[in-house]
Amino acid sequence: MNAVGTGPASPHSVIVRTKGPLTSAPNDFKVTSRSEYSPAKRTTAIQLTWMPPHLGPHDSDLLGYKVFCQRPASPAEEIATLDPDTHELDASFLLETYSACTCSFYVCGINALGTGPQSNTSTLTILKP
């Protein structure tokens, strides 16, 4: 279209589909804890594991994961950003920061367009000796 008018129509059009945001969440998200006792001290480990999300044909490439923790009466906070090949996190560092509480955890995939849907939520009660 120009000042003279509308030109002829093109013979056909081509649909172009761009890559979009993540449409599925990481799968099988689990939080486990393990306590080990020795005469000198007690140690506790917190392990988070998950499987990668299914990437559809129109999802942009997975760039990594964000792991979140939510304590009662507080908004969820990001506790780690990990690369796309990582499917577990040793979250024992939380024991130094958080007092006794019940925490809910979840993980989200991230790509160039932002954070995708969150995984299932898993809850763990952290007890201080």
N, C-alpha and C. Protein backbone atom coordinates (compact mmCIF):
# COMPACT_ATOMS: atom_id res chain seq x y z
N MET A 1 0.85 -1.16 0.00
CA MET A 1 0.00 0.00 0.00
C MET A 1 0.90 1.23 0.00
N ASN A 2 0.58 2.18 -0.88
CA ASN A 2 1.32 3.44 -0.91
C ASN A 2 0.35 4.58 -1.24
N ALA A 3 0.86 5.75 -1.61
CA ALA A 3 0.01 6.91 -1.87
C ALA A 3 -0.88 6.71 -3.09
N VAL A 4 -0.51 5.86 -4.01
CA VAL A 4 -1.31 5.62 -5.22
C VAL A 4 -2.45 4.65 -4.93
N GLY A 5 -2.24 3.75 -3.95
CA GLY A 5 -3.28 2.79 -3.62
C GLY A 5 -2.71 1.46 -3.18
N THR A 6 -3.56 0.43 -3.20
CA THR A 6 -3.17 -0.91 -2.78
C THR A 6 -2.65 -1.68 -3.98
N GLY A 7 -1.51 -2.32 -3.79
CA GLY A 7 -0.91 -3.12 -4.85
C GLY A 7 -1.51 -4.51 -4.88
N PRO A 8 -1.02 -5.33 -5.81
CA PRO A 8 -1.55 -6.68 -5.94
C PRO A 8 -1.21 -7.53 -4.71
N ALA A 9 -2.05 -8.51 -4.44
CA ALA A 9 -1.82 -9.42 -3.31
C ALA A 9 -0.69 -10.38 -3.65
N SER A 10 0.03 -10.82 -2.64
CA SER A 10 1.09 -11.80 -2.87
C SER A 10 0.44 -13.15 -3.22
N PRO A 11 1.19 -14.00 -3.92
CA PRO A 11 0.60 -15.27 -4.33
C PRO A 11 0.28 -16.20 -3.15
N HIS A 12 0.97 -16.11 -2.10
CA HIS A 12 0.69 -16.94 -0.92
C HIS A 12 1.34 -16.31 0.30
N SER A 13 0.95 -16.78 1.44
CA SER A 13 1.58 -16.30 2.66
C SER A 13 2.21 -17.48 3.38
N VAL A 14 3.22 -17.19 4.13
CA VAL A 14 3.93 -18.21 4.88
C VAL A 14 3.72 -17.94 6.36
N ILE A 15 3.29 -18.95 7.08
CA ILE A 15 3.13 -18.80 8.52
C ILE A 15 4.51 -18.97 9.16
N VAL A 16 4.86 -18.01 9.97
CA VAL A 16 6.13 -18.06 10.69
C VAL A 16 5.80 -18.17 12.16
N ARG A 17 6.32 -19.18 12.79
CA ARG A 17 6.06 -19.37 14.21
C ARG A 17 7.36 -19.14 14.97
N THR A 18 7.32 -18.26 15.94
CA THR A 18 8.50 -17.98 16.74
C THR A 18 8.48 -18.89 17.97
N LYS A 19 9.61 -18.98 18.63
CA LYS A 19 9.69 -19.76 19.87
C LYS A 19 9.09 -18.94 21.00
N GLY A 20 8.41 -19.63 21.90
CA GLY A 20 7.70 -18.93 22.96
C GLY A 20 8.16 -19.33 24.35
N PRO A 21 7.38 -18.93 25.35
CA PRO A 21 7.73 -19.24 26.74
C PRO A 21 7.57 -20.73 27.02
N LEU A 22 8.13 -21.16 28.14
CA LEU A 22 7.98 -22.55 28.56
C LEU A 22 6.51 -22.82 28.87
N THR A 23 6.02 -23.97 28.43
CA THR A 23 4.61 -24.30 28.64
C THR A 23 4.41 -25.43 29.65
N SER A 24 5.50 -26.08 30.09
CA SER A 24 5.35 -27.12 31.10
C SER A 24 6.36 -26.91 32.21
N ALA A 25 6.04 -27.48 33.35
CA ALA A 25 6.87 -27.33 34.55
C ALA A 25 7.83 -28.51 34.70
N PRO A 26 8.89 -28.35 35.49
CA PRO A 26 9.73 -29.50 35.81
C PRO A 26 8.87 -30.58 36.48
N ASN A 27 9.23 -31.85 36.28
CA ASN A 27 8.45 -32.99 36.77
C ASN A 27 9.09 -33.63 37.99
N ASP A 28 8.27 -34.39 38.72
CA ASP A 28 8.74 -35.24 39.83
C ASP A 28 9.61 -34.49 40.84
N PHE A 29 9.20 -33.29 41.20
CA PHE A 29 9.96 -32.51 42.18
C PHE A 29 9.80 -33.14 43.56
N LYS A 30 10.93 -33.37 44.24
CA LYS A 30 10.92 -33.99 45.57
C LYS A 30 11.91 -33.28 46.47
N VAL A 31 11.56 -33.22 47.75
CA VAL A 31 12.45 -32.70 48.78
C VAL A 31 12.63 -33.81 49.81
N THR A 32 13.86 -34.13 50.11
CA THR A 32 14.14 -35.15 51.12
C THR A 32 15.15 -34.59 52.11
N SER A 33 15.08 -35.11 53.33
CA SER A 33 16.08 -34.72 54.33
C SER A 33 16.61 -36.00 54.97
N ARG A 34 17.83 -35.88 55.42
CA ARG A 34 18.50 -37.01 56.04
C ARG A 34 19.31 -36.48 57.21
N SER A 35 19.18 -37.12 58.35
CA SER A 35 19.96 -36.74 59.53
C SER A 35 20.96 -37.84 59.84
N GLU A 36 22.16 -37.42 60.17
CA GLU A 36 23.20 -38.35 60.58
C GLU A 36 23.67 -37.94 61.97
N TYR A 37 23.80 -38.93 62.82
CA TYR A 37 24.22 -38.67 64.19
C TYR A 37 25.58 -39.28 64.44
N SER A 38 26.40 -38.54 65.15
CA SER A 38 27.67 -39.06 65.62
C SER A 38 27.82 -38.59 67.06
N PRO A 39 28.73 -39.17 67.81
CA PRO A 39 28.90 -38.72 69.20
C PRO A 39 29.21 -37.23 69.30
N ALA A 40 29.88 -36.70 68.30
CA ALA A 40 30.31 -35.30 68.36
C ALA A 40 29.23 -34.32 67.88
N LYS A 41 28.46 -34.70 66.84
CA LYS A 41 27.47 -33.75 66.33
C LYS A 41 26.42 -34.43 65.46
N ARG A 42 25.37 -33.68 65.21
CA ARG A 42 24.28 -34.14 64.34
C ARG A 42 24.35 -33.31 63.06
N THR A 43 24.27 -33.96 61.92
CA THR A 43 24.23 -33.22 60.65
C THR A 43 22.96 -33.60 59.90
N THR A 44 22.41 -32.62 59.24
CA THR A 44 21.20 -32.84 58.45
C THR A 44 21.46 -32.35 57.04
N ALA A 45 20.98 -33.10 56.07
CA ALA A 45 21.11 -32.72 54.67
C ALA A 45 19.71 -32.56 54.07
N ILE A 46 19.55 -31.56 53.23
CA ILE A 46 18.29 -31.33 52.51
C ILE A 46 18.61 -31.44 51.03
N GLN A 47 17.92 -32.32 50.34
CA GLN A 47 18.17 -32.56 48.92
C GLN A 47 16.90 -32.30 48.13
N LEU A 48 17.00 -31.50 47.07
CA LEU A 48 15.89 -31.23 46.16
C LEU A 48 16.24 -31.87 44.82
N THR A 49 15.30 -32.61 44.23
CA THR A 49 15.54 -33.24 42.93
C THR A 49 14.32 -33.04 42.03
N TRP A 50 14.54 -33.08 40.71
CA TRP A 50 13.45 -32.93 39.74
C TRP A 50 13.91 -33.45 38.39
N MET A 51 12.95 -33.61 37.50
CA MET A 51 13.21 -33.98 36.12
C MET A 51 12.93 -32.75 35.26
N PRO A 52 13.62 -32.59 34.13
CA PRO A 52 13.42 -31.40 33.29
C PRO A 52 12.00 -31.35 32.72
N PRO A 53 11.54 -30.14 32.42
CA PRO A 53 10.21 -30.01 31.80
C PRO A 53 10.22 -30.53 30.37
N HIS A 54 9.06 -30.92 29.90
CA HIS A 54 8.93 -31.31 28.49
C HIS A 54 8.94 -30.03 27.66
N LEU A 55 9.83 -29.98 26.68
CA LEU A 55 9.88 -28.81 25.80
C LEU A 55 9.09 -29.11 24.54
N GLY A 56 8.06 -28.32 24.31
CA GLY A 56 7.26 -28.47 23.11
C GLY A 56 8.00 -27.90 21.91
N PRO A 57 7.48 -28.14 20.72
CA PRO A 57 8.17 -27.68 19.51
C PRO A 57 8.25 -26.16 19.40
N HIS A 58 7.42 -25.46 20.15
CA HIS A 58 7.41 -24.00 20.06
C HIS A 58 7.93 -23.33 21.33
N ASP A 59 8.51 -24.14 22.24
CA ASP A 59 9.12 -23.57 23.45
C ASP A 59 10.55 -23.14 23.14
N SER A 60 10.93 -21.99 23.63
CA SER A 60 12.31 -21.53 23.51
C SER A 60 13.20 -22.44 24.36
N ASP A 61 14.48 -22.51 24.06
CA ASP A 61 15.41 -23.40 24.76
C ASP A 61 15.44 -23.11 26.26
N LEU A 62 15.58 -24.17 27.04
CA LEU A 62 15.70 -24.08 28.49
C LEU A 62 17.08 -23.52 28.83
N LEU A 63 17.12 -22.45 29.62
CA LEU A 63 18.39 -21.84 30.00
C LEU A 63 18.82 -22.21 31.42
N GLY A 64 17.89 -22.73 32.23
CA GLY A 64 18.23 -23.09 33.60
C GLY A 64 16.99 -23.22 34.46
N TYR A 65 17.22 -23.16 35.77
CA TYR A 65 16.14 -23.32 36.75
C TYR A 65 16.27 -22.27 37.84
N LYS A 66 15.13 -21.90 38.42
CA LYS A 66 15.09 -21.09 39.62
C LYS A 66 14.41 -21.95 40.68
N VAL A 67 15.02 -22.01 41.87
CA VAL A 67 14.47 -22.78 42.98
C VAL A 67 13.96 -21.79 44.01
N PHE A 68 12.74 -22.04 44.50
CA PHE A 68 12.09 -21.13 45.44
C PHE A 68 11.77 -21.83 46.75
N CYS A 69 11.77 -21.07 47.83
CA CYS A 69 11.38 -21.54 49.15
C CYS A 69 10.40 -20.53 49.73
N GLN A 70 9.33 -21.04 50.31
CA GLN A 70 8.35 -20.17 50.96
C GLN A 70 8.14 -20.61 52.39
N ARG A 71 8.35 -19.68 53.30
CA ARG A 71 8.09 -19.92 54.72
C ARG A 71 6.73 -19.34 55.05
N PRO A 72 6.07 -19.85 56.09
CA PRO A 72 4.73 -19.34 56.45
C PRO A 72 4.73 -17.82 56.64
N ALA A 73 3.69 -17.21 56.14
CA ALA A 73 3.46 -15.76 56.26
C ALA A 73 4.52 -14.93 55.54
N SER A 74 5.25 -15.53 54.61
CA SER A 74 6.25 -14.79 53.83
C SER A 74 6.07 -15.14 52.37
N PRO A 75 6.41 -14.22 51.48
CA PRO A 75 6.35 -14.56 50.06
C PRO A 75 7.48 -15.54 49.71
N ALA A 76 7.31 -16.26 48.63
CA ALA A 76 8.36 -17.19 48.18
C ALA A 76 9.60 -16.39 47.81
N GLU A 77 10.77 -16.95 48.14
CA GLU A 77 12.02 -16.29 47.78
C GLU A 77 12.89 -17.25 46.98
N GLU A 78 13.58 -16.69 46.01
CA GLU A 78 14.47 -17.49 45.18
C GLU A 78 15.71 -17.84 45.99
N ILE A 79 16.03 -19.14 46.06
CA ILE A 79 17.21 -19.55 46.84
C ILE A 79 18.36 -20.01 45.95
N ALA A 80 18.09 -20.25 44.67
CA ALA A 80 19.17 -20.68 43.77
C ALA A 80 18.75 -20.50 42.32
N THR A 81 19.74 -20.21 41.47
CA THR A 81 19.57 -20.23 40.02
C THR A 81 20.61 -21.21 39.50
N LEU A 82 20.14 -22.20 38.72
CA LEU A 82 21.01 -23.29 38.30
C LEU A 82 21.01 -23.45 36.79
N ASP A 83 22.05 -24.09 36.26
CA ASP A 83 22.14 -24.30 34.82
C ASP A 83 21.17 -25.40 34.36
N PRO A 84 20.91 -25.52 33.07
CA PRO A 84 19.90 -26.45 32.58
C PRO A 84 20.26 -27.93 32.74
N ASP A 85 21.53 -28.25 32.99
CA ASP A 85 21.92 -29.64 33.17
C ASP A 85 21.82 -30.10 34.61
N THR A 86 21.51 -29.21 35.52
CA THR A 86 21.41 -29.54 36.94
C THR A 86 19.97 -29.94 37.27
N HIS A 87 19.82 -31.08 37.93
CA HIS A 87 18.49 -31.57 38.30
C HIS A 87 18.39 -31.89 39.78
N GLU A 88 19.30 -31.30 40.56
CA GLU A 88 19.26 -31.49 42.00
C GLU A 88 19.98 -30.33 42.68
N LEU A 89 19.65 -30.14 43.95
CA LEU A 89 20.27 -29.07 44.73
C LEU A 89 20.43 -29.55 46.15
N ASP A 90 21.63 -29.43 46.69
CA ASP A 90 21.85 -29.67 48.12
C ASP A 90 21.51 -28.36 48.81
N ALA A 91 20.37 -28.34 49.48
CA ALA A 91 19.87 -27.11 50.11
C ALA A 91 20.15 -27.09 51.61
N SER A 92 21.17 -27.84 52.04
CA SER A 92 21.51 -27.88 53.47
C SER A 92 21.92 -26.51 54.01
N PHE A 93 22.34 -25.62 53.12
CA PHE A 93 22.72 -24.26 53.55
C PHE A 93 21.55 -23.53 54.21
N LEU A 94 20.31 -23.96 53.95
CA LEU A 94 19.15 -23.32 54.56
C LEU A 94 19.12 -23.51 56.07
N LEU A 95 19.73 -24.58 56.55
CA LEU A 95 19.73 -24.85 57.99
C LEU A 95 20.47 -23.77 58.77
N GLU A 96 21.42 -23.11 58.14
CA GLU A 96 22.16 -22.04 58.80
C GLU A 96 21.36 -20.74 58.84
N THR A 97 20.43 -20.59 57.90
CA THR A 97 19.69 -19.34 57.76
C THR A 97 18.32 -19.37 58.40
N TYR A 98 17.61 -20.46 58.23
CA TYR A 98 16.21 -20.53 58.67
C TYR A 98 16.10 -21.15 60.05
N SER A 99 15.25 -20.54 60.87
CA SER A 99 14.96 -21.15 62.16
C SER A 99 13.95 -22.27 61.94
N ALA A 100 13.58 -22.95 62.97
CA ALA A 100 12.64 -24.06 62.84
C ALA A 100 11.36 -23.56 62.16
N CYS A 101 11.00 -24.24 61.06
CA CYS A 101 9.80 -23.84 60.33
C CYS A 101 9.42 -24.92 59.33
N THR A 102 8.24 -24.79 58.80
CA THR A 102 7.80 -25.66 57.72
C THR A 102 7.94 -24.84 56.44
N CYS A 103 8.75 -25.32 55.52
CA CYS A 103 9.04 -24.60 54.28
C CYS A 103 8.46 -25.35 53.10
N SER A 104 7.94 -24.61 52.14
CA SER A 104 7.45 -25.19 50.89
C SER A 104 8.43 -24.81 49.78
N PHE A 105 8.77 -25.78 48.95
CA PHE A 105 9.74 -25.59 47.88
C PHE A 105 9.10 -25.89 46.53
N TYR A 106 9.58 -25.21 45.49
CA TYR A 106 9.22 -25.55 44.12
C TYR A 106 10.31 -25.04 43.19
N VAL A 107 10.29 -25.53 41.95
CA VAL A 107 11.30 -25.17 40.97
C VAL A 107 10.59 -24.75 39.68
N CYS A 108 11.19 -23.81 38.96
CA CYS A 108 10.66 -23.34 37.68
C CYS A 108 11.78 -23.36 36.65
N GLY A 109 11.46 -23.74 35.43
CA GLY A 109 12.42 -23.61 34.34
C GLY A 109 12.45 -22.17 33.87
N ILE A 110 13.58 -21.76 33.31
CA ILE A 110 13.68 -20.41 32.75
C ILE A 110 14.21 -20.50 31.32
N ASN A 111 13.75 -19.58 30.48
CA ASN A 111 14.28 -19.46 29.13
C ASN A 111 14.42 -17.98 28.81
N ALA A 112 14.71 -17.66 27.56
CA ALA A 112 14.94 -16.27 27.17
C ALA A 112 13.74 -15.37 27.41
N LEU A 113 12.56 -15.97 27.53
CA LEU A 113 11.35 -15.18 27.72
C LEU A 113 10.91 -15.09 29.17
N GLY A 114 11.69 -15.68 30.09
CA GLY A 114 11.36 -15.56 31.50
C GLY A 114 11.19 -16.88 32.21
N THR A 115 10.48 -16.82 33.32
CA THR A 115 10.27 -17.98 34.18
C THR A 115 9.02 -18.74 33.75
N GLY A 116 9.15 -20.05 33.63
CA GLY A 116 8.03 -20.90 33.23
C GLY A 116 7.18 -21.31 34.41
N PRO A 117 6.23 -22.23 34.16
CA PRO A 117 5.33 -22.68 35.23
C PRO A 117 6.10 -23.39 36.35
N GLN A 118 5.56 -23.32 37.56
CA GLN A 118 6.23 -23.96 38.69
C GLN A 118 5.88 -25.43 38.78
N SER A 119 6.81 -26.19 39.35
CA SER A 119 6.61 -27.62 39.59
C SER A 119 5.59 -27.79 40.71
N ASN A 120 5.34 -29.05 41.05
CA ASN A 120 4.54 -29.30 42.25
C ASN A 120 5.30 -28.73 43.44
N THR A 121 4.59 -28.46 44.51
CA THR A 121 5.21 -27.94 45.73
C THR A 121 5.45 -29.10 46.68
N SER A 122 6.62 -29.08 47.32
CA SER A 122 6.96 -30.11 48.30
C SER A 122 7.31 -29.39 49.59
N THR A 123 6.84 -29.93 50.71
CA THR A 123 6.99 -29.27 52.01
C THR A 123 7.91 -30.08 52.91
N LEU A 124 8.69 -29.36 53.69
CA LEU A 124 9.63 -29.98 54.63
C LEU A 124 9.63 -29.17 55.90
N THR A 125 9.60 -29.85 57.03
CA THR A 125 9.72 -29.17 58.32
C THR A 125 11.17 -29.21 58.75
N ILE A 126 11.72 -28.03 58.98
CA ILE A 126 13.10 -27.89 59.42
C ILE A 126 13.08 -27.72 60.93
N LEU A 127 13.77 -28.60 61.62
CA LEU A 127 13.81 -28.56 63.07
C LEU A 127 15.22 -28.19 63.54
N LYS A 128 15.30 -27.28 64.48
CA LYS A 128 16.58 -26.93 65.08
C LYS A 128 16.75 -27.76 66.34
N PRO A 129 17.95 -28.32 66.56
CA PRO A 129 18.17 -29.13 67.77
C PRO A 129 18.10 -28.28 69.02
